[in-house]
Amino acid sequence: MAAVHDIMFKARIQDTVREQGQAVTFTQHVEDVIVSKPDILIVDLNFADFQPIESIRKLRQVLPPTLKIVCFASHVDRDIQERAKHAGADVVMPRSRFVVQLPQFV
């Protein structure tokens, strides 16, 4: 499952997931994640509608710790990356590194 707003990143994620023989669902709402209980959640920390920091905190309270939360953001936005780590994200990285490492997460 992925909370990603950027159309280019959606396409990239979808293509990578398909290459692995899997499917991805995109969401804008933390409630969808809670209901779906995915193994992994990819979060664009710059996707304001998803309220990423608050959503990560909520997910850590209500879902098992087996949920892997992988986040990415602009390399210059270090504050939100740090806040995501403190909220409970498992992996936080700049967009450029995320693109390279994406196949490892799906």
PDB file of N, CA and C in Angstrom:
ATOM      1  N   MET A   1       0.857  -1.161   0.000  1.00  0.00           N
ATOM      2  CA  MET A   1       0.000   0.000   0.000  1.00  0.00           C
ATOM      3  C   MET A   1       0.907   1.228   0.000  1.00  0.00           C
ATOM      4  N   ALA A   2       0.438   2.316  -0.617  1.00  0.00           N
ATOM      5  CA  ALA A   2       1.252   3.522  -0.687  1.00  0.00           C
ATOM      6  C   ALA A   2       0.383   4.770  -0.559  1.00  0.00           C
ATOM      7  N   ALA A   3       0.906   5.724   0.203  1.00  0.00           N
ATOM      8  CA  ALA A   3       0.287   7.041   0.329  1.00  0.00           C
ATOM      9  C   ALA A   3       1.211   8.009  -0.396  1.00  0.00           C
ATOM     10  N   VAL A   4       0.971   8.142  -1.689  1.00  0.00           N
ATOM     11  CA  VAL A   4       1.833   8.936  -2.559  1.00  0.00           C
ATOM     12  C   VAL A   4       0.948   9.784  -3.456  1.00  0.00           C
ATOM     13  N   HIS A   5       1.258  11.062  -3.539  1.00  0.00           N
ATOM     14  CA  HIS A   5       0.450  11.976  -4.340  1.00  0.00           C
ATOM     15  C   HIS A   5       1.056  12.202  -5.732  1.00  0.00           C
ATOM     16  N   ASP A   6       2.357  12.241  -5.825  1.00  0.00           N
ATOM     17  CA  ASP A   6       3.072  12.551  -7.065  1.00  0.00           C
ATOM     18  C   ASP A   6       2.810  11.470  -8.116  1.00  0.00           C
ATOM     19  N   ILE A   7       2.266  11.881  -9.246  1.00  0.00           N
ATOM     20  CA  ILE A   7       1.882  10.932 -10.296  1.00  0.00           C
ATOM     21  C   ILE A   7       3.081  10.174 -10.856  1.00  0.00           C
ATOM     22  N   MET A   8       4.241  10.830 -10.937  1.00  0.00           N
ATOM     23  CA  MET A   8       5.442  10.174 -11.452  1.00  0.00           C
ATOM     24  C   MET A   8       5.899   9.065 -10.491  1.00  0.00           C
ATOM     25  N   PHE A   9       5.844   9.349  -9.203  1.00  0.00           N
ATOM     26  CA  PHE A   9       6.246   8.340  -8.233  1.00  0.00           C
ATOM     27  C   PHE A   9       5.226   7.212  -8.157  1.00  0.00           C
ATOM     28  N   LYS A  10       3.956   7.529  -8.317  1.00  0.00           N
ATOM     29  CA  LYS A  10       2.932   6.474  -8.352  1.00  0.00           C
ATOM     30  C   LYS A  10       3.237   5.500  -9.485  1.00  0.00           C
ATOM     31  N   ALA A  11       3.525   6.039 -10.661  1.00  0.00           N
ATOM     32  CA  ALA A  11       3.814   5.192 -11.820  1.00  0.00           C
ATOM     33  C   ALA A  11       5.060   4.355 -11.590  1.00  0.00           C
ATOM     34  N   ARG A  12       6.079   4.963 -11.009  1.00  0.00           N
ATOM     35  CA  ARG A  12       7.326   4.247 -10.744  1.00  0.00           C
ATOM     36  C   ARG A  12       7.107   3.110  -9.739  1.00  0.00           C
ATOM     37  N   ILE A  13       6.365   3.399  -8.698  1.00  0.00           N
ATOM     38  CA  ILE A  13       6.067   2.377  -7.691  1.00  0.00           C
ATOM     39  C   ILE A  13       5.243   1.260  -8.315  1.00  0.00           C
ATOM     40  N   GLN A  14       4.222   1.639  -9.062  1.00  0.00           N
ATOM     41  CA  GLN A  14       3.350   0.643  -9.684  1.00  0.00           C
ATOM     42  C   GLN A  14       4.137  -0.263 -10.635  1.00  0.00           C
ATOM     43  N   ASP A  15       5.013   0.314 -11.444  1.00  0.00           N
ATOM     44  CA  ASP A  15       5.817  -0.482 -12.375  1.00  0.00           C
ATOM     45  C   ASP A  15       6.741  -1.446 -11.637  1.00  0.00           C
ATOM     46  N   THR A  16       7.382  -0.962 -10.591  1.00  0.00           N
ATOM     47  CA  THR A  16       8.299  -1.801  -9.823  1.00  0.00           C
ATOM     48  C   THR A  16       7.559  -2.941  -9.142  1.00  0.00           C
ATOM     49  N   VAL A  17       6.413  -2.639  -8.586  1.00  0.00           N
ATOM     50  CA  VAL A  17       5.617  -3.666  -7.907  1.00  0.00           C
ATOM     51  C   VAL A  17       5.143  -4.715  -8.918  1.00  0.00           C
ATOM     52  N   ARG A  18       4.702  -4.276 -10.075  1.00  0.00           N
ATOM     53  CA  ARG A  18       4.266  -5.210 -11.126  1.00  0.00           C
ATOM     54  C   ARG A  18       5.402  -6.130 -11.561  1.00  0.00           C
ATOM     55  N   GLU A  19       6.604  -5.564 -11.699  1.00  0.00           N
ATOM     56  CA  GLU A  19       7.774  -6.365 -12.081  1.00  0.00           C
ATOM     57  C   GLU A  19       8.039  -7.479 -11.060  1.00  0.00           C
ATOM     58  N   GLN A  20       7.648  -7.242  -9.824  1.00  0.00           N
ATOM     59  CA  GLN A  20       7.826  -8.233  -8.764  1.00  0.00           C
ATOM     60  C   GLN A  20       6.639  -9.197  -8.688  1.00  0.00           C
ATOM     61  N   GLY A  21       5.662  -9.036  -9.595  1.00  0.00           N
ATOM     62  CA  GLY A  21       4.497  -9.907  -9.614  1.00  0.00           C
ATOM     63  C   GLY A  21       3.487  -9.604  -8.526  1.00  0.00           C
ATOM     64  N   GLN A  22       3.476  -8.362  -8.057  1.00  0.00           N
ATOM     65  CA  GLN A  22       2.581  -7.960  -6.972  1.00  0.00           C
ATOM     66  C   GLN A  22       1.680  -6.819  -7.453  1.00  0.00           C
ATOM     67  N   ALA A  23       0.819  -6.353  -6.562  1.00  0.00           N
ATOM     68  CA  ALA A  23      -0.058  -5.219  -6.850  1.00  0.00           C
ATOM     69  C   ALA A  23       0.070  -4.215  -5.711  1.00  0.00           C
ATOM     70  N   VAL A  24      -0.216  -2.970  -6.014  1.00  0.00           N
ATOM     71  CA  VAL A  24      -0.160  -1.912  -5.000  1.00  0.00           C
ATOM     72  C   VAL A  24      -1.470  -1.144  -5.018  1.00  0.00           C
ATOM     73  N   THR A  25      -1.903  -0.738  -3.846  1.00  0.00           N
ATOM     74  CA  THR A  25      -3.074   0.103  -3.691  1.00  0.00           C
ATOM     75  C   THR A  25      -2.609   1.460  -3.188  1.00  0.00           C
ATOM     76  N   PHE A  26      -3.122   2.518  -3.776  1.00  0.00           N
ATOM     77  CA  PHE A  26      -2.774   3.862  -3.330  1.00  0.00           C
ATOM     78  C   PHE A  26      -3.917   4.418  -2.485  1.00  0.00           C
ATOM     79  N   THR A  27      -3.554   5.178  -1.471  1.00  0.00           N
ATOM     80  CA  THR A  27      -4.551   5.724  -0.565  1.00  0.00           C
ATOM     81  C   THR A  27      -4.220   7.150  -0.180  1.00  0.00           C
ATOM     82  N   GLN A  28      -5.245   7.848   0.275  1.00  0.00           N
ATOM     83  CA  GLN A  28      -5.084   9.203   0.816  1.00  0.00           C
ATOM     84  C   GLN A  28      -5.492   9.240   2.285  1.00  0.00           C
ATOM     85  N   HIS A  29      -5.954   8.106   2.814  1.00  0.00           N
ATOM     86  CA  HIS A  29      -6.540   8.088   4.155  1.00  0.00           C
ATOM     87  C   HIS A  29      -5.921   7.003   5.031  1.00  0.00           C
ATOM     88  N   VAL A  30      -5.557   7.376   6.227  1.00  0.00           N
ATOM     89  CA  VAL A  30      -4.968   6.432   7.173  1.00  0.00           C
ATOM     90  C   VAL A  30      -5.960   5.311   7.510  1.00  0.00           C
ATOM     91  N   GLU A  31      -7.234   5.604   7.468  1.00  0.00           N
ATOM     92  CA  GLU A  31      -8.253   4.590   7.772  1.00  0.00           C
ATOM     93  C   GLU A  31      -8.181   3.419   6.789  1.00  0.00           C
ATOM     94  N   ASP A  32      -7.860   3.710   5.527  1.00  0.00           N
ATOM     95  CA  ASP A  32      -7.712   2.640   4.532  1.00  0.00           C
ATOM     96  C   ASP A  32      -6.586   1.689   4.923  1.00  0.00           C
ATOM     97  N   VAL A  33      -5.524   2.248   5.458  1.00  0.00           N
ATOM     98  CA  VAL A  33      -4.375   1.434   5.879  1.00  0.00           C
ATOM     99  C   VAL A  33      -4.769   0.557   7.065  1.00  0.00           C
ATOM    100  N   ILE A  34      -5.481   1.143   7.998  1.00  0.00           N
ATOM    101  CA  ILE A  34      -5.911   0.403   9.187  1.00  0.00           C
ATOM    102  C   ILE A  34      -6.796  -0.776   8.804  1.00  0.00           C
ATOM    103  N   VAL A  35      -7.725  -0.556   7.887  1.00  0.00           N
ATOM    104  CA  VAL A  35      -8.627  -1.619   7.447  1.00  0.00           C
ATOM    105  C   VAL A  35      -7.879  -2.685   6.644  1.00  0.00           C
ATOM    106  N   SER A  36      -6.978  -2.265   5.770  1.00  0.00           N
ATOM    107  CA  SER A  36      -6.264  -3.198   4.883  1.00  0.00           C
ATOM    108  C   SER A  36      -5.173  -3.992   5.579  1.00  0.00           C
ATOM    109  N   LYS A  37      -4.572  -3.414   6.616  1.00  0.00           N
ATOM    110  CA  LYS A  37      -3.478  -4.068   7.353  1.00  0.00           C
ATOM    111  C   LYS A  37      -2.394  -4.617   6.412  1.00  0.00           C
ATOM    112  N   PRO A  38      -1.780  -3.746   5.625  1.00  0.00           N
ATOM    113  CA  PRO A  38      -0.750  -4.226   4.688  1.00  0.00           C
ATOM    114  C   PRO A  38       0.530  -4.616   5.428  1.00  0.00           C
ATOM    115  N   ASP A  39       1.409  -5.321   4.731  1.00  0.00           N
ATOM    116  CA  ASP A  39       2.714  -5.672   5.299  1.00  0.00           C
ATOM    117  C   ASP A  39       3.667  -4.489   5.238  1.00  0.00           C
ATOM    118  N   ILE A  40       3.479  -3.658   4.211  1.00  0.00           N
ATOM    119  CA  ILE A  40       4.350  -2.507   4.005  1.00  0.00           C
ATOM    120  C   ILE A  40       3.513  -1.308   3.571  1.00  0.00           C
ATOM    121  N   LEU A  41       3.933  -0.139   4.038  1.00  0.00           N
ATOM    122  CA  LEU A  41       3.300   1.107   3.633  1.00  0.00           C
ATOM    123  C   LEU A  41       4.401   2.060   3.192  1.00  0.00           C
ATOM    124  N   ILE A  42       4.274   2.553   1.975  1.00  0.00           N
ATOM    125  CA  ILE A  42       5.205   3.552   1.449  1.00  0.00           C
ATOM    126  C   ILE A  42       4.529   4.907   1.604  1.00  0.00           C
ATOM    127  N   VAL A  43       5.248   5.852   2.222  1.00  0.00           N
ATOM    128  CA  VAL A  43       4.663   7.162   2.513  1.00  0.00           C
ATOM    129  C   VAL A  43       5.522   8.273   1.932  1.00  0.00           C
ATOM    130  N   ASP A  44       4.888   9.116   1.130  1.00  0.00           N
ATOM    131  CA  ASP A  44       5.515  10.356   0.659  1.00  0.00           C
ATOM    132  C   ASP A  44       5.305  11.384   1.768  1.00  0.00           C
ATOM    133  N   LEU A  45       6.359  11.758   2.446  1.00  0.00           N
ATOM    134  CA  LEU A  45       6.246  12.678   3.578  1.00  0.00           C
ATOM    135  C   LEU A  45       5.796  14.074   3.167  1.00  0.00           C
ATOM    136  N   ASN A  46       5.832  14.375   1.886  1.00  0.00           N
ATOM    137  CA  ASN A  46       5.373  15.673   1.404  1.00  0.00           C
ATOM    138  C   ASN A  46       3.922  15.631   0.921  1.00  0.00           C
ATOM    139  N   PHE A  47       3.227  14.525   1.159  1.00  0.00           N
ATOM    140  CA  PHE A  47       1.822  14.362   0.774  1.00  0.00           C
ATOM    141  C   PHE A  47       0.947  14.878   1.921  1.00  0.00           C
ATOM    142  N   ALA A  48       0.696  16.174   1.910  1.00  0.00           N
ATOM    143  CA  ALA A  48       0.018  16.845   3.024  1.00  0.00           C
ATOM    144  C   ALA A  48      -1.372  16.278   3.310  1.00  0.00           C
ATOM    145  N   ASP A  49      -2.125  15.889   2.281  1.00  0.00           N
ATOM    146  CA  ASP A  49      -3.479  15.371   2.498  1.00  0.00           C
ATOM    147  C   ASP A  49      -3.488  14.106   3.351  1.00  0.00           C
ATOM    148  N   PHE A  50      -2.407  13.343   3.324  1.00  0.00           N
ATOM    149  CA  PHE A  50      -2.315  12.113   4.114  1.00  0.00           C
ATOM    150  C   PHE A  50      -1.937  12.404   5.565  1.00  0.00           C
ATOM    151  N   GLN A  51      -1.466  13.608   5.834  1.00  0.00           N
ATOM    152  CA  GLN A  51      -0.984  13.990   7.169  1.00  0.00           C
ATOM    153  C   GLN A  51       0.005  12.936   7.662  1.00  0.00           C
ATOM    154  N   PRO A  52       1.144  12.827   6.977  1.00  0.00           N
ATOM    155  CA  PRO A  52       2.044  11.697   7.206  1.00  0.00           C
ATOM    156  C   PRO A  52       2.528  11.490   8.639  1.00  0.00           C
ATOM    157  N   ILE A  53       2.919  12.530   9.333  1.00  0.00           N
ATOM    158  CA  ILE A  53       3.453  12.344  10.680  1.00  0.00           C
ATOM    159  C   ILE A  53       2.355  11.846  11.623  1.00  0.00           C
ATOM    160  N   GLU A  54       1.197  12.478  11.565  1.00  0.00           N
ATOM    161  CA  GLU A  54       0.078  12.062  12.412  1.00  0.00           C
ATOM    162  C   GLU A  54      -0.376  10.648  12.048  1.00  0.00           C
ATOM    163  N   SER A  55      -0.373  10.342  10.751  1.00  0.00           N
ATOM    164  CA  SER A  55      -0.799   9.009  10.306  1.00  0.00           C
ATOM    165  C   SER A  55       0.161   7.926  10.780  1.00  0.00           C
ATOM    166  N   ILE A  56       1.460   8.195  10.709  1.00  0.00           N
ATOM    167  CA  ILE A  56       2.449   7.216  11.182  1.00  0.00           C
ATOM    168  C   ILE A  56       2.241   6.957  12.672  1.00  0.00           C
ATOM    169  N   ARG A  57       2.062   8.026  13.436  1.00  0.00           N
ATOM    170  CA  ARG A  57       1.830   7.859  14.884  1.00  0.00           C
ATOM    171  C   ARG A  57       0.606   6.995  15.148  1.00  0.00           C
ATOM    172  N   LYS A  58      -0.471   7.293  14.423  1.00  0.00           N
ATOM    173  CA  LYS A  58      -1.715   6.546  14.619  1.00  0.00           C
ATOM    174  C   LYS A  58      -1.536   5.076  14.244  1.00  0.00           C
ATOM    175  N   LEU A  59      -0.870   4.822  13.139  1.00  0.00           N
ATOM    176  CA  LEU A  59      -0.659   3.444  12.700  1.00  0.00           C
ATOM    177  C   LEU A  59       0.165   2.662  13.717  1.00  0.00           C
ATOM    178  N   ARG A  60       1.134   3.304  14.310  1.00  0.00           N
ATOM    179  CA  ARG A  60       1.964   2.635  15.321  1.00  0.00           C
ATOM    180  C   ARG A  60       1.170   2.319  16.583  1.00  0.00           C
ATOM    181  N   GLN A  61       0.101   3.054  16.813  1.00  0.00           N
ATOM    182  CA  GLN A  61      -0.740   2.796  17.986  1.00  0.00           C
ATOM    183  C   GLN A  61      -1.730   1.664  17.746  1.00  0.00           C
ATOM    184  N   VAL A  62      -2.222   1.523  16.515  1.00  0.00           N
ATOM    185  CA  VAL A  62      -3.326   0.590  16.272  1.00  0.00           C
ATOM    186  C   VAL A  62      -2.970  -0.663  15.472  1.00  0.00           C
ATOM    187  N   LEU A  63      -1.866  -0.659  14.763  1.00  0.00           N
ATOM    188  CA  LEU A  63      -1.498  -1.832  13.974  1.00  0.00           C
ATOM    189  C   LEU A  63      -0.283  -2.525  14.581  1.00  0.00           C
ATOM    190  N   PRO A  64      -0.114  -3.813  14.299  1.00  0.00           N
ATOM    191  CA  PRO A  64       1.024  -4.548  14.858  1.00  0.00           C
ATOM    192  C   PRO A  64       2.357  -3.972  14.361  1.00  0.00           C
ATOM    193  N   PRO A  65       3.405  -4.177  15.122  1.00  0.00           N
ATOM    194  CA  PRO A  65       4.721  -3.654  14.741  1.00  0.00           C
ATOM    195  C   PRO A  65       5.306  -4.321  13.503  1.00  0.00           C
ATOM    196  N   THR A  66       4.643  -5.342  12.995  1.00  0.00           N
ATOM    197  CA  THR A  66       5.124  -5.990  11.777  1.00  0.00           C
ATOM    198  C   THR A  66       4.920  -5.126  10.538  1.00  0.00           C
ATOM    199  N   LEU A  67       4.045  -4.113  10.620  1.00  0.00           N
ATOM    200  CA  LEU A  67       3.856  -3.192   9.503  1.00  0.00           C
ATOM    201  C   LEU A  67       5.159  -2.427   9.290  1.00  0.00           C
ATOM    202  N   LYS A  68       5.710  -2.530   8.089  1.00  0.00           N
ATOM    203  CA  LYS A  68       6.928  -1.797   7.760  1.00  0.00           C
ATOM    204  C   LYS A  68       6.524  -0.500   7.075  1.00  0.00           C
ATOM    205  N   ILE A  69       6.952   0.619   7.654  1.00  0.00           N
ATOM    206  CA  ILE A  69       6.634   1.940   7.099  1.00  0.00           C
ATOM    207  C   ILE A  69       7.903   2.524   6.490  1.00  0.00           C
ATOM    208  N   VAL A  70       7.872   2.714   5.175  1.00  0.00           N
ATOM    209  CA  VAL A  70       9.001   3.242   4.417  1.00  0.00           C
ATOM    210  C   VAL A  70       8.603   4.623   3.901  1.00  0.00           C
ATOM    211  N   CYS A  71       9.399   5.625   4.260  1.00  0.00           N
ATOM    212  CA  CYS A  71       9.066   7.011   3.907  1.00  0.00           C
ATOM    213  C   CYS A  71      10.149   7.645   3.058  1.00  0.00           C
ATOM    214  N   PHE A  72       9.707   8.595   2.238  1.00  0.00           N
ATOM    215  CA  PHE A  72      10.672   9.385   1.482  1.00  0.00           C
ATOM    216  C   PHE A  72      10.198  10.834   1.424  1.00  0.00           C
ATOM    217  N   ALA A  73      11.167  11.727   1.214  1.00  0.00           N
ATOM    218  CA  ALA A  73      10.882  13.167   1.117  1.00  0.00           C
ATOM    219  C   ALA A  73      12.014  13.829   0.347  1.00  0.00           C
ATOM    220  N   SER A  74      11.809  15.062   0.031  1.00  0.00           N
ATOM    221  CA  SER A  74      12.855  15.852  -0.616  1.00  0.00           C
ATOM    222  C   SER A  74      14.110  15.836   0.262  1.00  0.00           C
ATOM    223  N   HIS A  75      15.273  15.769  -0.363  1.00  0.00           N
ATOM    224  CA  HIS A  75      16.520  15.701   0.403  1.00  0.00           C
ATOM    225  C   HIS A  75      16.769  16.942   1.248  1.00  0.00           C
ATOM    226  N   VAL A  76      16.147  18.045   0.901  1.00  0.00           N
ATOM    227  CA  VAL A  76      16.343  19.276   1.680  1.00  0.00           C
ATOM    228  C   VAL A  76      15.385  19.366   2.864  1.00  0.00           C
ATOM    229  N   ASP A  77      14.386  18.510   2.889  1.00  0.00           N
ATOM    230  CA  ASP A  77      13.380  18.559   3.959  1.00  0.00           C
ATOM    231  C   ASP A  77      13.761  17.598   5.087  1.00  0.00           C
ATOM    232  N   ARG A  78      14.848  17.915   5.752  1.00  0.00           N
ATOM    233  CA  ARG A  78      15.363  17.040   6.814  1.00  0.00           C
ATOM    234  C   ARG A  78      14.488  17.043   8.054  1.00  0.00           C
ATOM    235  N   ASP A  79      13.805  18.154   8.302  1.00  0.00           N
ATOM    236  CA  ASP A  79      12.945  18.241   9.483  1.00  0.00           C
ATOM    237  C   ASP A  79      11.841  17.191   9.440  1.00  0.00           C
ATOM    238  N   ILE A  80      11.148  17.100   8.325  1.00  0.00           N
ATOM    239  CA  ILE A  80      10.055  16.120   8.244  1.00  0.00           C
ATOM    240  C   ILE A  80      10.601  14.693   8.261  1.00  0.00           C
ATOM    241  N   GLN A  81      11.779  14.473   7.710  1.00  0.00           N
ATOM    242  CA  GLN A  81      12.381  13.149   7.767  1.00  0.00           C
ATOM    243  C   GLN A  81      12.670  12.760   9.218  1.00  0.00           C
ATOM    244  N   GLU A  82      13.183  13.691   9.977  1.00  0.00           N
ATOM    245  CA  GLU A  82      13.482  13.432  11.390  1.00  0.00           C
ATOM    246  C   GLU A  82      12.200  13.194  12.180  1.00  0.00           C
ATOM    247  N   ARG A  83      11.167  13.986  11.894  1.00  0.00           N
ATOM    248  CA  ARG A  83       9.883  13.806  12.581  1.00  0.00           C
ATOM    249  C   ARG A  83       9.265  12.449  12.266  1.00  0.00           C
ATOM    250  N   ALA A  84       9.428  11.987  11.033  1.00  0.00           N
ATOM    251  CA  ALA A  84       8.895  10.670  10.652  1.00  0.00           C
ATOM    252  C   ALA A  84       9.591   9.554  11.424  1.00  0.00           C
ATOM    253  N   LYS A  85      10.901   9.680  11.595  1.00  0.00           N
ATOM    254  CA  LYS A  85      11.643   8.679  12.379  1.00  0.00           C
ATOM    255  C   LYS A  85      11.119   8.636  13.808  1.00  0.00           C
ATOM    256  N   HIS A  86      10.927   9.803  14.390  1.00  0.00           N
ATOM    257  CA  HIS A  86      10.436   9.874  15.770  1.00  0.00           C
ATOM    258  C   HIS A  86       8.992   9.382  15.895  1.00  0.00           C
ATOM    259  N   ALA A  87       8.220   9.521  14.821  1.00  0.00           N
ATOM    260  CA  ALA A  87       6.829   9.059  14.844  1.00  0.00           C
ATOM    261  C   ALA A  87       6.721   7.542  14.732  1.00  0.00           C
ATOM    262  N   GLY A  88       7.797   6.891  14.243  1.00  0.00           N
ATOM    263  CA  GLY A  88       7.767   5.433  14.172  1.00  0.00           C
ATOM    264  C   GLY A  88       8.029   4.823  12.808  1.00  0.00           C
ATOM    265  N   ALA A  89       8.443   5.636  11.838  1.00  0.00           N
ATOM    266  CA  ALA A  89       8.760   5.076  10.519  1.00  0.00           C
ATOM    267  C   ALA A  89       9.979   4.167  10.629  1.00  0.00           C
ATOM    268  N   ASP A  90       9.948   3.060   9.902  1.00  0.00           N
ATOM    269  CA  ASP A  90      11.066   2.117   9.923  1.00  0.00           C
ATOM    270  C   ASP A  90      12.236   2.603   9.075  1.00  0.00           C
ATOM    271  N   VAL A  91      11.918   3.162   7.920  1.00  0.00           N
ATOM    272  CA  VAL A  91      12.936   3.622   6.980  1.00  0.00           C
ATOM    273  C   VAL A  91      12.523   5.006   6.485  1.00  0.00           C
ATOM    274  N   VAL A  92      13.455   5.942   6.530  1.00  0.00           N
ATOM    275  CA  VAL A  92      13.210   7.291   6.021  1.00  0.00           C
ATOM    276  C   VAL A  92      14.407   7.675   5.164  1.00  0.00           C
ATOM    277  N   MET A  93      14.131   8.145   3.951  1.00  0.00           N
ATOM    278  CA  MET A  93      15.227   8.467   3.037  1.00  0.00           C
ATOM    279  C   MET A  93      14.832   9.565   2.050  1.00  0.00           C
ATOM    280  N   PRO A  94      15.829  10.182   1.427  1.00  0.00           N
ATOM    281  CA  PRO A  94      15.543  11.160   0.379  1.00  0.00           C
ATOM    282  C   PRO A  94      14.929  10.467  -0.840  1.00  0.00           C
ATOM    283  N   ARG A  95      14.175  11.231  -1.613  1.00  0.00           N
ATOM    284  CA  ARG A  95      13.523  10.684  -2.815  1.00  0.00           C
ATOM    285  C   ARG A  95      14.510   9.969  -3.732  1.00  0.00           C
ATOM    286  N   SER A  96      15.657  10.577  -3.965  1.00  0.00           N
ATOM    287  CA  SER A  96      16.630  10.013  -4.910  1.00  0.00           C
ATOM    288  C   SER A  96      17.083   8.619  -4.469  1.00  0.00           C
ATOM    289  N   ARG A  97      17.291   8.425  -3.202  1.00  0.00           N
ATOM    290  CA  ARG A  97      17.699   7.111  -2.701  1.00  0.00           C
ATOM    291  C   ARG A  97      16.531   6.126  -2.736  1.00  0.00           C
ATOM    292  N   PHE A  98      15.327   6.621  -2.484  1.00  0.00           N
ATOM    293  CA  PHE A  98      14.132   5.780  -2.522  1.00  0.00           C
ATOM    294  C   PHE A  98      13.965   5.147  -3.900  1.00  0.00           C
ATOM    295  N   VAL A  99      14.162   5.938  -4.938  1.00  0.00           N
ATOM    296  CA  VAL A  99      14.005   5.443  -6.307  1.00  0.00           C
ATOM    297  C   VAL A  99      14.947   4.272  -6.558  1.00  0.00           C
ATOM    298  N   VAL A 100      16.166   4.379  -6.078  1.00  0.00           N
ATOM    299  CA  VAL A 100      17.162   3.334  -6.286  1.00  0.00           C
ATOM    300  C   VAL A 100      16.838   2.090  -5.455  1.00  0.00           C
ATOM    301  N   GLN A 101      16.374   2.283  -4.230  1.00  0.00           N
ATOM    302  CA  GLN A 101      16.155   1.161  -3.317  1.00  0.00           C
ATOM    303  C   GLN A 101      14.744   0.582  -3.356  1.00  0.00           C
ATOM    304  N   LEU A 102      13.858   1.181  -4.097  1.00  0.00           N
ATOM    305  CA  LEU A 102      12.460   0.722  -4.151  1.00  0.00           C
ATOM    306  C   LEU A 102      12.306  -0.790  -4.367  1.00  0.00           C
ATOM    307  N   PRO A 103      13.017  -1.413  -5.290  1.00  0.00           N
ATOM    308  CA  PRO A 103      12.823  -2.851  -5.489  1.00  0.00           C
ATOM    309  C   PRO A 103      13.086  -3.688  -4.236  1.00  0.00           C
ATOM    310  N   GLN A 104      13.893  -3.203  -3.325  1.00  0.00           N
ATOM    311  CA  GLN A 104      14.180  -3.944  -2.101  1.00  0.00           C
ATOM    312  C   GLN A 104      12.980  -3.974  -1.146  1.00  0.00           C
ATOM    313  N   PHE A 105      12.062  -3.044  -1.306  1.00  0.00           N
ATOM    314  CA  PHE A 105      10.956  -2.908  -0.356  1.00  0.00           C
ATOM    315  C   PHE A 105       9.670  -3.605  -0.810  1.00  0.00           C
ATOM    316  N   VAL A 106       9.599  -4.008  -2.062  1.00  0.00           N
ATOM    317  CA  VAL A 106       8.363  -4.620  -2.549  1.00  0.00           C
ATOM    318  C   VAL A 106       8.490  -6.113  -2.728  1.00  0.00           C
TER     319      VAL A 106
END
